[in-house]
Amino acid sequence: MPVASMPLGGCVTHGAPTLALFGAYFPFWLVSAVAGAVGAVVAHRAFVASGWVHGVPYQLSVCTAIGVVVGVFFWLLGTGQL
């Protein structure tokens, strides 16, 4: 029986990180994903407003990478790992 429970060795008893928002509990990864999407949209708007949209190649990849960085940074700040 101990061999069957070995894959569960990384599980913790206190559960996944959640965020209480408007009286409901949301998984923190979902909130981090939304923050990353907002970060990508803000980055795209900043590129358009500054005129860099014509100078920066691969706009979709660049804005997606910025969104991922914002989402991971938000996750690390929110879970206390940073």
Protein backbone atom coordinates (compact mmCIF):
# COMPACT_ATOMS: atom_id res chain seq x y z
CA MET A 1 0.00 0.00 0.00
CA PRO A 2 2.81 2.54 0.63
CA VAL A 3 3.97 2.11 -2.97
CA ALA A 4 0.50 3.01 -4.26
CA SER A 5 0.47 6.28 -2.31
CA MET A 6 3.94 7.42 -3.39
CA PRO A 7 2.64 9.61 -6.28
CA LEU A 8 0.68 11.59 -3.69
CA GLY A 9 3.82 12.50 -1.75
CA GLY A 10 3.80 16.06 -3.06
CA CYS A 11 0.22 16.76 -2.03
CA VAL A 12 -0.28 18.98 0.99
CA THR A 13 -3.11 18.93 3.50
CA HIS A 14 -4.08 22.59 3.35
CA GLY A 15 -5.25 22.54 -0.28
CA ALA A 16 -4.63 24.73 -3.27
CA PRO A 17 -4.15 28.49 -2.94
CA THR A 18 -7.49 30.26 -3.33
CA LEU A 19 -8.64 33.85 -3.26
CA ALA A 20 -11.92 35.00 -1.70
CA LEU A 21 -13.52 37.31 -4.25
CA PHE A 22 -17.09 38.60 -3.83
CA GLY A 23 -17.86 35.85 -1.34
CA ALA A 24 -16.70 32.98 -3.55
CA TYR A 25 -13.37 31.16 -3.58
CA PHE A 26 -11.48 31.26 -6.86
CA PRO A 27 -8.35 29.24 -7.55
CA PHE A 28 -5.39 31.58 -7.55
CA TRP A 29 -4.09 30.24 -10.87
CA LEU A 30 -7.27 31.53 -12.52
CA VAL A 31 -6.75 35.00 -11.06
CA SER A 32 -3.11 34.90 -12.20
CA ALA A 33 -4.19 33.92 -15.73
CA VAL A 34 -6.60 36.85 -15.89
CA ALA A 35 -3.84 39.18 -14.65
CA GLY A 36 -1.55 37.83 -17.39
CA ALA A 37 -4.18 38.40 -20.07
CA VAL A 38 -4.72 41.94 -18.83
CA GLY A 39 -0.94 42.45 -18.87
CA ALA A 40 -0.76 41.31 -22.49
CA VAL A 41 -3.56 43.66 -23.53
CA VAL A 42 -1.94 46.58 -21.68
CA ALA A 43 1.39 45.79 -23.37
CA HIS A 44 -0.28 45.78 -26.80
CA ARG A 45 -2.04 49.08 -26.08
CA ALA A 46 1.27 50.59 -24.92
CA PHE A 47 2.95 49.46 -28.14
CA VAL A 48 0.17 51.02 -30.22
CA ALA A 49 0.15 54.28 -28.24
CA SER A 50 3.93 54.70 -28.37
CA GLY A 51 4.24 53.79 -32.05
CA TRP A 52 6.42 50.76 -31.37
CA VAL A 53 3.85 48.56 -33.10
CA HIS A 54 5.67 49.17 -36.40
CA GLY A 55 9.15 48.55 -34.97
CA VAL A 56 8.67 45.46 -32.83
CA PRO A 57 8.42 42.26 -34.88
CA TYR A 58 6.24 39.29 -33.86
CA GLN A 59 3.75 41.36 -31.86
CA LEU A 60 1.64 38.36 -30.84
CA SER A 61 4.64 36.49 -29.45
CA VAL A 62 6.01 39.54 -27.64
CA CYS A 63 2.68 40.45 -26.04
CA THR A 64 2.05 36.81 -25.09
CA ALA A 65 5.47 36.61 -23.44
CA ILE A 66 4.78 39.82 -21.51
CA GLY A 67 1.44 38.39 -20.40
CA VAL A 68 3.09 35.18 -19.20
CA VAL A 69 5.68 37.15 -17.23
CA VAL A 70 2.96 39.27 -15.61
CA GLY A 71 0.91 36.17 -14.75
CA VAL A 72 3.87 34.33 -13.20
CA PHE A 73 4.94 37.43 -11.29
CA PHE A 74 1.38 37.84 -9.98
CA TRP A 75 1.33 34.16 -8.96
CA LEU A 76 4.65 34.47 -7.12
CA LEU A 77 3.56 37.62 -5.31
CA GLY A 78 0.17 36.20 -4.38
CA THR A 79 1.41 32.89 -3.03
CA GLY A 80 4.26 34.46 -1.04
CA GLN A 81 7.05 32.81 -3.00
CA LEU A 82 8.65 36.08 -4.07
